[in-house]
Amino acid sequence: MAVSESDVDPRKFPRLAGYLRNLPEGLDSYPDCIAKASLYRRLIEEHDFTPIVDQLPSKLLPLLEHPEPINTWIPAVQNNAFLLAMTDHFYNEDLRAAVSWYRDVRERMFKSPLYRMMMAVISPRYILRGASKRWETFHRGTVFEVEYGDHHANVVLTYPHSLQTRLIIRMLTGGLLAALAAAGAKDIKWGITSVTPTEARLGATWK
């Protein structure tokens, strides 16, 4: 039996519990902000949530018992809750491993037969030109803006208050980095320059 949002144990799930406290309406917050189910589906398919299912918020339980088809949409706050629960339970001592796992998911996608030939003939600049539209393929209710050149990019992500955290942003932007690498970018260096409750700014350079 799952628990209420207020009963999530902050000792076992510090990031998830803190995230839920900061949302204005908990997991009911921002219904216009949605994410493609494919994001959380990969997460629960590669991590066994069975031992902790009774410790998670009850509103997440239907998504575990009856996973949504990959092309449907789920609330972004619930997608983020899964990311943080995953991090707390499976990667609590190594946050870099959580970020690396998310980027690896995207790298595997770009190496698949469906994408490999396409990525071989495009450039990082081409990837960045379509980055905002690509973001909208997986996320709605937030804005992803990119300013870029041949070997650099600056990203501004805006969102409702407390929808995102620094850790979530680190994971989500792993998809962009994986795409740049698949398109031929070398020696990628990137970092989050600032995070506020409603905006994040990132920068990247490559060769």
C-alpha atoms as a PDB file:
ATOM      1  CA  MET A   1       0.000   0.000   0.000  1.00  0.00           C
ATOM      2  CA  ALA A   2       1.483   3.338  -1.031  1.00  0.00           C
ATOM      3  CA  VAL A   3       1.598   6.364   1.272  1.00  0.00           C
ATOM      4  CA  SER A   4       0.270   9.907   1.109  1.00  0.00           C
ATOM      5  CA  GLU A   5       2.571  12.585  -0.264  1.00  0.00           C
ATOM      6  CA  SER A   6       3.101  14.085   3.188  1.00  0.00           C
ATOM      7  CA  ASP A   7       4.150  10.681   4.553  1.00  0.00           C
ATOM      8  CA  VAL A   8       7.022  10.067   2.143  1.00  0.00           C
ATOM      9  CA  ASP A   9       9.998   9.317   4.393  1.00  0.00           C
ATOM     10  CA  PRO A  10      12.542  12.153   4.018  1.00  0.00           C
ATOM     11  CA  ARG A  11      15.300   9.895   5.360  1.00  0.00           C
ATOM     12  CA  LYS A  12      14.825   7.350   2.577  1.00  0.00           C
ATOM     13  CA  PHE A  13      13.654   9.764  -0.126  1.00  0.00           C
ATOM     14  CA  PRO A  14      15.161  13.171   0.713  1.00  0.00           C
ATOM     15  CA  ARG A  15      14.968  14.622  -2.793  1.00  0.00           C
ATOM     16  CA  LEU A  16      11.469  13.339  -3.500  1.00  0.00           C
ATOM     17  CA  ALA A  17      10.120  14.507  -0.135  1.00  0.00           C
ATOM     18  CA  GLY A  18      11.664  17.956  -0.591  1.00  0.00           C
ATOM     19  CA  TYR A  19      10.281  18.217  -4.117  1.00  0.00           C
ATOM     20  CA  LEU A  20       6.738  17.399  -2.980  1.00  0.00           C
ATOM     21  CA  ARG A  21       6.942  19.968  -0.167  1.00  0.00           C
ATOM     22  CA  ASN A  22       7.892  22.733  -2.590  1.00  0.00           C
ATOM     23  CA  LEU A  23       5.087  22.113  -5.091  1.00  0.00           C
ATOM     24  CA  PRO A  24       2.023  24.303  -4.498  1.00  0.00           C
ATOM     25  CA  GLU A  25      -0.458  21.429  -4.895  1.00  0.00           C
ATOM     26  CA  GLY A  26       1.838  18.432  -4.603  1.00  0.00           C
ATOM     27  CA  LEU A  27       1.420  15.927  -7.430  1.00  0.00           C
ATOM     28  CA  ASP A  28      -1.681  17.802  -8.590  1.00  0.00           C
ATOM     29  CA  SER A  29       0.417  20.871  -9.432  1.00  0.00           C
ATOM     30  CA  TYR A  30       0.632  22.315 -12.932  1.00  0.00           C
ATOM     31  CA  PRO A  31      -1.714  20.010 -14.884  1.00  0.00           C
ATOM     32  CA  ASP A  32      -0.811  21.869 -18.090  1.00  0.00           C
ATOM     33  CA  CYS A  33       2.808  20.720 -17.741  1.00  0.00           C
ATOM     34  CA  ILE A  34       3.109  17.237 -19.209  1.00  0.00           C
ATOM     35  CA  ALA A  35       5.812  14.810 -20.336  1.00  0.00           C
ATOM     36  CA  LYS A  36       5.832  11.919 -22.768  1.00  0.00           C
ATOM     37  CA  ALA A  37       5.330   8.612 -20.974  1.00  0.00           C
ATOM     38  CA  SER A  38       8.335   7.145 -22.791  1.00  0.00           C
ATOM     39  CA  LEU A  39      10.579   9.011 -20.333  1.00  0.00           C
ATOM     40  CA  TYR A  40       9.234   7.364 -17.191  1.00  0.00           C
ATOM     41  CA  ARG A  41       8.604   4.031 -18.927  1.00  0.00           C
ATOM     42  CA  ARG A  42      12.310   3.550 -19.618  1.00  0.00           C
ATOM     43  CA  LEU A  43      13.024   4.476 -16.011  1.00  0.00           C
ATOM     44  CA  ILE A  44      10.704   1.874 -14.469  1.00  0.00           C
ATOM     45  CA  GLU A  45      11.709  -0.771 -17.017  1.00  0.00           C
ATOM     46  CA  GLU A  46      15.384  -0.519 -16.058  1.00  0.00           C
ATOM     47  CA  HIS A  47      14.890  -0.146 -12.291  1.00  0.00           C
ATOM     48  CA  ASP A  48      12.898  -2.530 -10.090  1.00  0.00           C
ATOM     49  CA  PHE A  49      10.548  -0.396  -8.005  1.00  0.00           C
ATOM     50  CA  THR A  50       8.827  -3.424  -6.447  1.00  0.00           C
ATOM     51  CA  PRO A  51      10.692  -3.249  -3.079  1.00  0.00           C
ATOM     52  CA  ILE A  52       9.751   0.409  -2.543  1.00  0.00           C
ATOM     53  CA  VAL A  53       6.291   0.633  -4.098  1.00  0.00           C
ATOM     54  CA  ASP A  54       4.609   0.832  -0.680  1.00  0.00           C
ATOM     55  CA  GLN A  55       6.821   3.792   0.256  1.00  0.00           C
ATOM     56  CA  LEU A  56       5.922   5.967  -2.727  1.00  0.00           C
ATOM     57  CA  PRO A  57       2.994   8.403  -3.056  1.00  0.00           C
ATOM     58  CA  SER A  58      -0.256   6.612  -3.877  1.00  0.00           C
ATOM     59  CA  LYS A  59      -0.788   8.809  -6.961  1.00  0.00           C
ATOM     60  CA  LEU A  60       2.237   7.177  -8.576  1.00  0.00           C
ATOM     61  CA  LEU A  61       0.926   3.667  -8.043  1.00  0.00           C
ATOM     62  CA  PRO A  62      -1.354   3.492 -11.142  1.00  0.00           C
ATOM     63  CA  LEU A  63       1.605   4.385 -13.369  1.00  0.00           C
ATOM     64  CA  LEU A  64       3.524   1.450 -11.915  1.00  0.00           C
ATOM     65  CA  GLU A  65       0.667  -1.057 -11.957  1.00  0.00           C
ATOM     66  CA  HIS A  66      -0.564  -0.098 -15.421  1.00  0.00           C
ATOM     67  CA  PRO A  67       2.255   1.673 -17.308  1.00  0.00           C
ATOM     68  CA  GLU A  68       1.071   4.211 -19.836  1.00  0.00           C
ATOM     69  CA  PRO A  69       1.857   3.640 -23.542  1.00  0.00           C
ATOM     70  CA  ILE A  70       5.061   5.399 -24.525  1.00  0.00           C
ATOM     71  CA  ASN A  71       3.349   7.936 -26.798  1.00  0.00           C
ATOM     72  CA  THR A  72       0.827   9.159 -24.236  1.00  0.00           C
ATOM     73  CA  TRP A  73       1.358  12.093 -21.865  1.00  0.00           C
ATOM     74  CA  ILE A  74       1.623  12.081 -18.072  1.00  0.00           C
ATOM     75  CA  PRO A  75       1.874  15.008 -15.611  1.00  0.00           C
ATOM     76  CA  ALA A  76       5.385  16.414 -15.563  1.00  0.00           C
ATOM     77  CA  VAL A  77       5.394  16.502 -11.760  1.00  0.00           C
ATOM     78  CA  GLN A  78       4.790  12.742 -11.721  1.00  0.00           C
ATOM     79  CA  ASN A  79       7.552  12.131 -14.234  1.00  0.00           C
ATOM     80  CA  ASN A  80       9.878  14.213 -12.063  1.00  0.00           C
ATOM     81  CA  ALA A  81       8.757  12.350  -8.949  1.00  0.00           C
ATOM     82  CA  PHE A  82       9.819   9.081 -10.551  1.00  0.00           C
ATOM     83  CA  LEU A  83      13.207  10.565 -11.461  1.00  0.00           C
ATOM     84  CA  LEU A  84      13.791  11.687  -7.880  1.00  0.00           C
ATOM     85  CA  ALA A  85      12.521   8.445  -6.332  1.00  0.00           C
ATOM     86  CA  MET A  86      14.882   6.567  -8.648  1.00  0.00           C
ATOM     87  CA  THR A  87      17.778   8.771  -7.619  1.00  0.00           C
ATOM     88  CA  ASP A  88      17.024   8.510  -3.903  1.00  0.00           C
ATOM     89  CA  HIS A  89      16.735   4.730  -3.883  1.00  0.00           C
ATOM     90  CA  PHE A  90      19.128   3.512  -6.565  1.00  0.00           C
ATOM     91  CA  TYR A  91      21.756   6.270  -6.763  1.00  0.00           C
ATOM     92  CA  ASN A  92      21.636   8.025  -3.407  1.00  0.00           C
ATOM     93  CA  GLU A  93      25.393   7.754  -2.887  1.00  0.00           C
ATOM     94  CA  ASP A  94      26.322   8.570  -6.481  1.00  0.00           C
ATOM     95  CA  LEU A  95      24.267  11.274  -8.174  1.00  0.00           C
ATOM     96  CA  ARG A  96      26.649  11.326 -11.121  1.00  0.00           C
ATOM     97  CA  ALA A  97      25.624   7.750 -11.849  1.00  0.00           C
ATOM     98  CA  ALA A  98      21.971   8.833 -12.059  1.00  0.00           C
ATOM     99  CA  VAL A  99      22.852  11.580 -14.511  1.00  0.00           C
ATOM    100  CA  SER A 100      25.050   9.180 -16.499  1.00  0.00           C
ATOM    101  CA  TRP A 101      22.249   6.607 -16.653  1.00  0.00           C
ATOM    102  CA  TYR A 102      19.846   9.153 -18.138  1.00  0.00           C
ATOM    103  CA  ARG A 103      22.369  10.286 -20.721  1.00  0.00           C
ATOM    104  CA  ASP A 104      23.191   6.659 -21.543  1.00  0.00           C
ATOM    105  CA  VAL A 105      19.509   6.023 -22.299  1.00  0.00           C
ATOM    106  CA  ARG A 106      19.593   8.763 -24.909  1.00  0.00           C
ATOM    107  CA  GLU A 107      22.960   7.645 -26.310  1.00  0.00           C
ATOM    108  CA  ARG A 108      21.576   4.142 -26.811  1.00  0.00           C
ATOM    109  CA  MET A 109      18.603   5.617 -28.619  1.00  0.00           C
ATOM    110  CA  PHE A 110      20.801   7.565 -31.031  1.00  0.00           C
ATOM    111  CA  LYS A 111      22.909   4.460 -31.707  1.00  0.00           C
ATOM    112  CA  SER A 112      19.861   2.404 -32.628  1.00  0.00           C
ATOM    113  CA  PRO A 113      19.301   1.545 -36.319  1.00  0.00           C
ATOM    114  CA  LEU A 114      16.433   4.025 -36.469  1.00  0.00           C
ATOM    115  CA  TYR A 115      18.660   6.989 -35.584  1.00  0.00           C
ATOM    116  CA  ARG A 116      22.221   5.928 -36.450  1.00  0.00           C
ATOM    117  CA  MET A 117      22.124   6.693 -40.169  1.00  0.00           C
ATOM    118  CA  MET A 118      20.313   9.983 -39.619  1.00  0.00           C
ATOM    119  CA  MET A 119      22.766  11.180 -36.948  1.00  0.00           C
ATOM    120  CA  ALA A 120      25.735  10.315 -39.179  1.00  0.00           C
ATOM    121  CA  VAL A 121      24.824  13.001 -41.721  1.00  0.00           C
ATOM    122  CA  ILE A 122      23.832  15.923 -39.467  1.00  0.00           C
ATOM    123  CA  SER A 123      25.853  18.410 -37.442  1.00  0.00           C
ATOM    124  CA  PRO A 124      25.648  19.765 -33.868  1.00  0.00           C
ATOM    125  CA  ARG A 125      24.393  23.040 -35.342  1.00  0.00           C
ATOM    126  CA  TYR A 126      21.522  21.174 -37.001  1.00  0.00           C
ATOM    127  CA  ILE A 127      20.653  19.512 -33.679  1.00  0.00           C
ATOM    128  CA  LEU A 128      20.550  22.874 -31.914  1.00  0.00           C
ATOM    129  CA  ARG A 129      18.478  24.510 -34.633  1.00  0.00           C
ATOM    130  CA  GLY A 130      15.667  22.073 -33.869  1.00  0.00           C
ATOM    131  CA  ALA A 131      16.254  21.711 -30.124  1.00  0.00           C
ATOM    132  CA  SER A 132      13.263  23.769 -29.005  1.00  0.00           C
ATOM    133  CA  LYS A 133      10.882  21.806 -31.222  1.00  0.00           C
ATOM    134  CA  ARG A 134      12.495  18.572 -30.119  1.00  0.00           C
ATOM    135  CA  TRP A 135      11.902  19.560 -26.492  1.00  0.00           C
ATOM    136  CA  GLU A 136       8.212  20.071 -27.243  1.00  0.00           C
ATOM    137  CA  THR A 137       8.054  16.511 -28.556  1.00  0.00           C
ATOM    138  CA  PHE A 138       8.644  15.276 -25.010  1.00  0.00           C
ATOM    139  CA  HIS A 139       7.651  18.220 -22.793  1.00  0.00           C
ATOM    140  CA  ARG A 140       4.726  20.660 -22.756  1.00  0.00           C
ATOM    141  CA  GLY A 141       4.149  23.639 -20.478  1.00  0.00           C
ATOM    142  CA  THR A 142       7.803  24.669 -20.271  1.00  0.00           C
ATOM    143  CA  VAL A 143       9.991  26.679 -22.643  1.00  0.00           C
ATOM    144  CA  PHE A 144      13.402  25.556 -23.915  1.00  0.00           C
ATOM    145  CA  GLU A 145      15.341  28.288 -25.731  1.00  0.00           C
ATOM    146  CA  VAL A 146      18.763  27.875 -27.333  1.00  0.00           C
ATOM    147  CA  GLU A 147      21.302  30.415 -28.592  1.00  0.00           C
ATOM    148  CA  TYR A 148      24.135  28.694 -30.418  1.00  0.00           C
ATOM    149  CA  GLY A 149      27.129  28.890 -32.714  1.00  0.00           C
ATOM    150  CA  ASP A 150      29.365  26.314 -34.376  1.00  0.00           C
ATOM    151  CA  HIS A 151      31.027  25.267 -31.118  1.00  0.00           C
ATOM    152  CA  HIS A 152      28.924  26.641 -28.281  1.00  0.00           C
ATOM    153  CA  ALA A 153      25.370  26.823 -27.000  1.00  0.00           C
ATOM    154  CA  ASN A 154      23.533  28.656 -24.235  1.00  0.00           C
ATOM    155  CA  VAL A 155      20.213  27.284 -23.016  1.00  0.00           C
ATOM    156  CA  VAL A 156      17.448  28.934 -21.011  1.00  0.00           C
ATOM    157  CA  LEU A 157      14.738  26.678 -19.583  1.00  0.00           C
ATOM    158  CA  THR A 158      11.701  28.351 -18.004  1.00  0.00           C
ATOM    159  CA  TYR A 159       9.006  26.558 -16.015  1.00  0.00           C
ATOM    160  CA  PRO A 160       6.371  27.085 -13.306  1.00  0.00           C
ATOM    161  CA  HIS A 161       7.592  27.659  -9.757  1.00  0.00           C
ATOM    162  CA  SER A 162       9.524  24.661  -8.357  1.00  0.00           C
ATOM    163  CA  LEU A 163       8.539  22.325 -11.201  1.00  0.00           C
ATOM    164  CA  GLN A 164      12.209  21.536 -11.840  1.00  0.00           C
ATOM    165  CA  THR A 165      15.208  21.069  -9.569  1.00  0.00           C
ATOM    166  CA  ARG A 166      18.898  21.331 -10.377  1.00  0.00           C
ATOM    167  CA  LEU A 167      19.236  17.540 -10.373  1.00  0.00           C
ATOM    168  CA  ILE A 168      16.249  17.036 -12.688  1.00  0.00           C
ATOM    169  CA  ILE A 169      17.671  19.649 -15.055  1.00  0.00           C
ATOM    170  CA  ARG A 170      21.041  17.865 -15.057  1.00  0.00           C
ATOM    171  CA  MET A 171      19.306  14.659 -16.108  1.00  0.00           C
ATOM    172  CA  LEU A 172      16.950  16.159 -18.673  1.00  0.00           C
ATOM    173  CA  THR A 173      19.701  18.054 -20.462  1.00  0.00           C
ATOM    174  CA  GLY A 174      21.596  14.785 -20.825  1.00  0.00           C
ATOM    175  CA  GLY A 175      19.404  14.145 -23.841  1.00  0.00           C
ATOM    176  CA  LEU A 176      20.721  17.234 -25.601  1.00  0.00           C
ATOM    177  CA  LEU A 177      24.324  16.316 -24.812  1.00  0.00           C
ATOM    178  CA  ALA A 178      23.796  12.808 -26.149  1.00  0.00           C
ATOM    179  CA  ALA A 179      22.352  14.255 -29.352  1.00  0.00           C
ATOM    180  CA  LEU A 180      25.319  16.601 -29.781  1.00  0.00           C
ATOM    181  CA  ALA A 181      27.745  13.720 -29.317  1.00  0.00           C
ATOM    182  CA  ALA A 182      25.835  11.543 -31.786  1.00  0.00           C
ATOM    183  CA  ALA A 183      26.013  14.392 -34.306  1.00  0.00           C
ATOM    184  CA  GLY A 184      29.783  14.549 -34.047  1.00  0.00           C
ATOM    185  CA  ALA A 185      30.539  17.009 -31.235  1.00  0.00           C
ATOM    186  CA  LYS A 186      33.803  16.158 -29.459  1.00  0.00           C
ATOM    187  CA  ASP A 187      35.168  17.044 -26.030  1.00  0.00           C
ATOM    188  CA  ILE A 188      31.820  18.437 -24.837  1.00  0.00           C
ATOM    189  CA  LYS A 189      32.052  20.623 -21.743  1.00  0.00           C
ATOM    190  CA  TRP A 190      28.888  21.902 -20.118  1.00  0.00           C
ATOM    191  CA  GLY A 191      27.532  23.262 -16.878  1.00  0.00           C
ATOM    192  CA  ILE A 192      24.521  24.805 -15.204  1.00  0.00           C
ATOM    193  CA  THR A 193      25.280  28.487 -14.709  1.00  0.00           C
ATOM    194  CA  SER A 194      22.210  29.351 -12.630  1.00  0.00           C
ATOM    195  CA  VAL A 195      18.982  27.849 -11.312  1.00  0.00           C
ATOM    196  CA  THR A 196      16.044  29.749  -9.824  1.00  0.00           C
ATOM    197  CA  PRO A 197      12.574  28.428  -8.914  1.00  0.00           C
ATOM    198  CA  THR A 198      11.367  29.372 -12.429  1.00  0.00           C
ATOM    199  CA  GLU A 199      14.435  29.387 -14.702  1.00  0.00           C
ATOM    200  CA  ALA A 200      17.645  27.508 -15.425  1.00  0.00           C
ATOM    201  CA  ARG A 201      20.557  28.618 -17.588  1.00  0.00           C
ATOM    202  CA  LEU A 202      23.154  26.271 -19.042  1.00  0.00           C
ATOM    203  CA  GLY A 203      26.164  26.568 -21.287  1.00  0.00           C
ATOM    204  CA  ALA A 204      28.094  24.089 -23.429  1.00  0.00           C
ATOM    205  CA  THR A 205      31.159  24.105 -25.674  1.00  0.00           C
ATOM    206  CA  TRP A 206      32.634  21.399 -27.908  1.00  0.00           C
ATOM    207  CA  LYS A 207      35.117  20.783 -30.689  1.00  0.00           C
END
